[in-house]
């Protein structure tokens, strides 16, 4: 009887894992201020941002947080963040630039996420305030301390990792996610000291 229980538990875990989607939201790394006459989309990362993004990529790779697909804002700072972040992965995941992420709203981000795709682990590299507001709308459970930290703010290079008990992105809806972790370069540095 115990053997049957182990097999059943194994099957339940396997079924549960196939009915899950992981959504990761990443705010671009620290950016320079716009120069006079410079477009907001053209702003580049500052030194700290160029240092933070690869640290976060290495952390993600080490903890198995590698996306199947990255949807990246067309803004230069988001694309630069992605390129530096992706250097931490053994194999660079697929990436698509999605114009709808720039200057978006939580409602529009929900529509972007809800599109049909095979990716089980999705990363969105974008901007505040929409990413922060979107994360807060989706999360219904998870570590209380991490949820409180996230509620305060989503800083540059902040990564929100959420698990959703769905098997199709079209089923994503507010208050459906469990916060798996909230990570920033500062939290990574504190943990390794």
Protein backbone atom coordinates (compact mmCIF):
# COMPACT_ATOMS: atom_id res chain seq x y z
CA UNK A 1 0.00 0.00 0.00
CA UNK A 2 2.85 2.40 0.84
CA UNK A 3 4.38 1.76 -2.60
CA UNK A 4 1.09 2.71 -4.30
CA UNK A 5 0.99 5.89 -2.23
CA UNK A 6 4.50 6.86 -3.38
CA UNK A 7 3.55 6.24 -7.01
CA UNK A 8 0.35 8.25 -6.62
CA UNK A 9 2.18 11.12 -4.93
CA UNK A 10 4.70 11.06 -7.76
CA UNK A 11 1.94 11.16 -10.37
CA UNK A 12 0.18 14.01 -8.57
CA UNK A 13 3.41 16.03 -8.42
CA UNK A 14 4.07 15.32 -12.10
CA UNK A 15 0.53 16.36 -13.07
CA UNK A 16 0.74 19.46 -10.90
CA UNK A 17 4.04 20.49 -12.44
CA UNK A 18 2.65 20.14 -15.96
CA UNK A 19 -0.32 22.33 -15.02
CA UNK A 20 1.90 25.19 -13.91
CA UNK A 21 3.26 28.24 -15.62
CA UNK A 22 6.05 30.40 -14.27
CA UNK A 23 5.95 34.11 -14.98
CA UNK A 24 8.97 36.28 -14.27
CA UNK A 25 8.80 40.06 -14.41
CA UNK A 26 12.06 41.99 -14.57
CA UNK A 27 12.36 45.74 -14.38
CA UNK A 28 15.22 46.99 -16.54
CA UNK A 29 18.54 47.79 -14.84
CA UNK A 30 19.59 51.25 -13.58
CA UNK A 31 19.47 53.80 -16.38
CA UNK A 32 21.07 57.13 -17.18
CA UNK A 33 18.87 60.20 -17.26
CA UNK A 34 17.80 61.35 -20.70
CA UNK A 35 20.07 63.91 -22.30
CA UNK A 36 18.40 67.06 -23.67
CA UNK A 37 16.61 66.08 -26.87
CA UNK A 38 17.16 62.36 -26.26
CA UNK A 39 14.17 60.06 -26.60
CA UNK A 40 13.14 58.11 -23.49
CA UNK A 41 13.35 54.91 -25.53
CA UNK A 42 17.03 55.59 -26.26
CA UNK A 43 18.20 55.88 -22.65
CA UNK A 44 21.10 53.52 -21.89
CA UNK A 45 22.15 51.69 -18.74
CA UNK A 46 24.52 53.38 -16.37
CA UNK A 47 27.56 51.60 -14.88
CA UNK A 48 25.59 50.14 -11.97
CA UNK A 49 22.95 48.79 -14.34
CA UNK A 50 25.60 47.17 -16.55
CA UNK A 51 27.03 45.50 -13.42
CA UNK A 52 23.69 44.43 -11.91
CA UNK A 53 22.19 42.71 -14.98
CA UNK A 54 24.85 39.95 -15.31
CA UNK A 55 24.75 39.31 -11.54
CA UNK A 56 21.02 38.76 -11.80
CA UNK A 57 21.48 36.52 -14.85
CA UNK A 58 24.01 34.36 -12.98
CA UNK A 59 21.61 34.14 -10.03
CA UNK A 60 18.75 33.11 -12.32
CA UNK A 61 20.86 30.43 -14.02
CA UNK A 62 22.11 29.07 -10.68
CA UNK A 63 18.55 28.80 -9.33
CA UNK A 64 16.96 27.31 -12.46
CA UNK A 65 15.07 30.49 -13.33
CA UNK A 66 15.81 30.29 -17.05
CA UNK A 67 12.90 31.35 -19.25
CA UNK A 68 11.74 29.47 -22.33
CA UNK A 69 10.90 32.83 -23.86
CA UNK A 70 11.75 36.43 -23.00
CA UNK A 71 9.42 39.23 -24.08
CA UNK A 72 11.43 42.44 -24.06
CA UNK A 73 10.41 46.08 -24.36
CA UNK A 74 11.77 47.92 -27.42
CA UNK A 75 13.44 50.51 -25.16
CA UNK A 76 17.25 50.42 -25.36
CA UNK A 77 17.60 50.02 -21.59
CA UNK A 78 15.37 46.92 -21.55
CA UNK A 79 17.16 45.32 -24.50
CA UNK A 80 20.57 46.06 -22.96
CA UNK A 81 19.39 44.57 -19.66
CA UNK A 82 18.28 41.41 -21.46
CA UNK A 83 21.56 41.06 -23.40
CA UNK A 84 23.66 41.39 -20.23
CA UNK A 85 21.33 39.14 -18.22
CA UNK A 86 21.32 36.41 -20.89
CA UNK A 87 25.12 36.05 -20.68
CA UNK A 88 24.52 34.14 -17.43
CA UNK A 89 22.62 31.33 -19.18
CA UNK A 90 24.35 28.30 -20.71
CA UNK A 91 22.09 28.62 -23.75
CA UNK A 92 20.43 31.93 -24.61
CA UNK A 93 16.63 31.57 -24.47
CA UNK A 94 14.39 32.77 -27.28
CA UNK A 95 13.67 36.49 -27.17
CA UNK A 96 11.01 38.63 -28.82
CA UNK A 97 10.79 42.38 -28.75
CA UNK A 98 7.22 43.36 -27.97
CA UNK A 99 6.30 47.02 -28.52
CA UNK A 100 3.27 46.67 -26.24
CA UNK A 101 5.47 46.34 -23.14
CA UNK A 102 6.84 49.89 -23.44
CA UNK A 103 4.62 52.49 -21.79
CA UNK A 104 2.09 49.78 -21.01
CA UNK A 105 -0.58 49.31 -18.39
CA UNK A 106 -1.28 46.26 -16.19
CA UNK A 107 -4.34 45.52 -18.33
CA UNK A 108 -2.27 45.54 -21.53
CA UNK A 109 0.42 43.38 -19.93
CA UNK A 110 -2.26 40.87 -18.98
CA UNK A 111 -3.29 40.72 -22.66
CA UNK A 112 0.33 40.20 -23.73
CA UNK A 113 0.82 37.37 -21.23
CA UNK A 114 -2.52 35.72 -22.07
CA UNK A 115 -1.61 35.05 -25.70
CA UNK A 116 -1.22 31.42 -26.72
CA UNK A 117 2.38 30.18 -26.57
CA UNK A 118 4.20 26.97 -25.79
CA UNK A 119 6.60 28.55 -23.30
CA UNK A 120 6.05 27.30 -19.75
CA UNK A 121 8.48 29.82 -18.23
CA UNK A 122 8.00 33.35 -19.48
CA UNK A 123 10.12 36.41 -18.69
CA UNK A 124 8.94 39.96 -19.35
CA UNK A 125 11.60 42.69 -19.31
CA UNK A 126 9.91 46.04 -18.97
CA UNK A 127 9.23 49.16 -16.96
CA UNK A 128 7.53 50.66 -13.97
CA UNK A 129 4.94 51.57 -12.96
CA UNK A 130 3.18 48.94 -15.11
CA UNK A 131 5.33 45.93 -14.09
CA UNK A 132 5.02 46.74 -10.39
CA UNK A 133 1.27 47.28 -10.56
CA UNK A 134 0.83 44.14 -12.69
CA UNK A 135 2.78 41.99 -10.20
CA UNK A 136 0.71 43.30 -7.31
CA UNK A 137 -2.51 42.53 -9.20
CA UNK A 138 -1.47 38.96 -10.00
CA UNK A 139 -0.07 37.86 -6.63
CA UNK A 140 -2.49 36.30 -4.15
CA UNK A 141 -0.15 34.13 -2.08
CA UNK A 142 3.48 33.44 -1.26
CA UNK A 143 6.08 34.50 1.26
CA UNK A 144 4.58 37.37 3.28
CA UNK A 145 7.90 39.16 3.87
CA UNK A 146 8.76 39.06 0.15
CA UNK A 147 5.24 40.26 -0.71
CA UNK A 148 5.64 43.21 1.67
CA UNK A 149 9.04 44.10 0.18
CA UNK A 150 7.54 43.99 -3.29
CA UNK A 151 4.53 46.04 -2.21
CA UNK A 152 6.94 48.84 -1.19
CA UNK A 153 8.60 49.03 -4.60
CA UNK A 154 9.99 47.19 -7.61
CA UNK A 155 13.47 48.70 -7.99
CA UNK A 156 15.60 48.60 -11.11
CA UNK A 157 16.86 45.05 -11.75
CA UNK A 158 14.08 43.76 -9.50
CA UNK A 159 12.93 40.27 -10.44
CA UNK A 160 9.49 38.94 -9.50
CA UNK A 161 9.04 35.17 -9.91
CA UNK A 162 5.46 33.87 -9.79
CA UNK A 163 3.91 30.47 -10.22
CA UNK A 164 0.45 30.16 -11.74
CA UNK A 165 -1.69 26.99 -11.40
CA UNK A 166 -2.72 27.05 -15.06
CA UNK A 167 -1.85 25.01 -18.12
CA UNK A 168 -2.64 27.73 -20.66
CA UNK A 169 -1.53 31.36 -20.57
CA UNK A 170 -5.04 32.39 -21.69
CA UNK A 171 -6.24 31.44 -18.18
CA UNK A 172 -4.07 33.99 -16.38
CA UNK A 173 -6.10 36.45 -14.31
CA UNK A 174 -5.66 38.81 -11.33
CA UNK A 175 -5.01 37.17 -7.94
CA UNK A 176 -4.01 33.88 -9.59
CA UNK A 177 -0.29 33.78 -8.76
CA UNK A 178 1.86 32.67 -5.88
CA UNK A 179 5.00 34.75 -5.36
CA UNK A 180 7.83 32.24 -5.55
CA UNK A 181 10.53 34.85 -4.91
CA UNK A 182 11.40 38.52 -5.19
CA UNK A 183 15.05 39.24 -5.91
CA UNK A 184 17.16 42.36 -6.34
CA UNK A 185 20.92 42.73 -6.80
CA UNK A 186 21.06 44.24 -3.31
CA UNK A 187 19.32 41.19 -1.79
CA UNK A 188 21.71 38.89 -3.68
CA UNK A 189 24.72 40.83 -2.35
CA UNK A 190 23.37 40.71 1.22
CA UNK A 191 22.80 36.94 0.97
CA UNK A 192 26.36 36.28 -0.22
CA UNK A 193 28.11 38.44 2.39
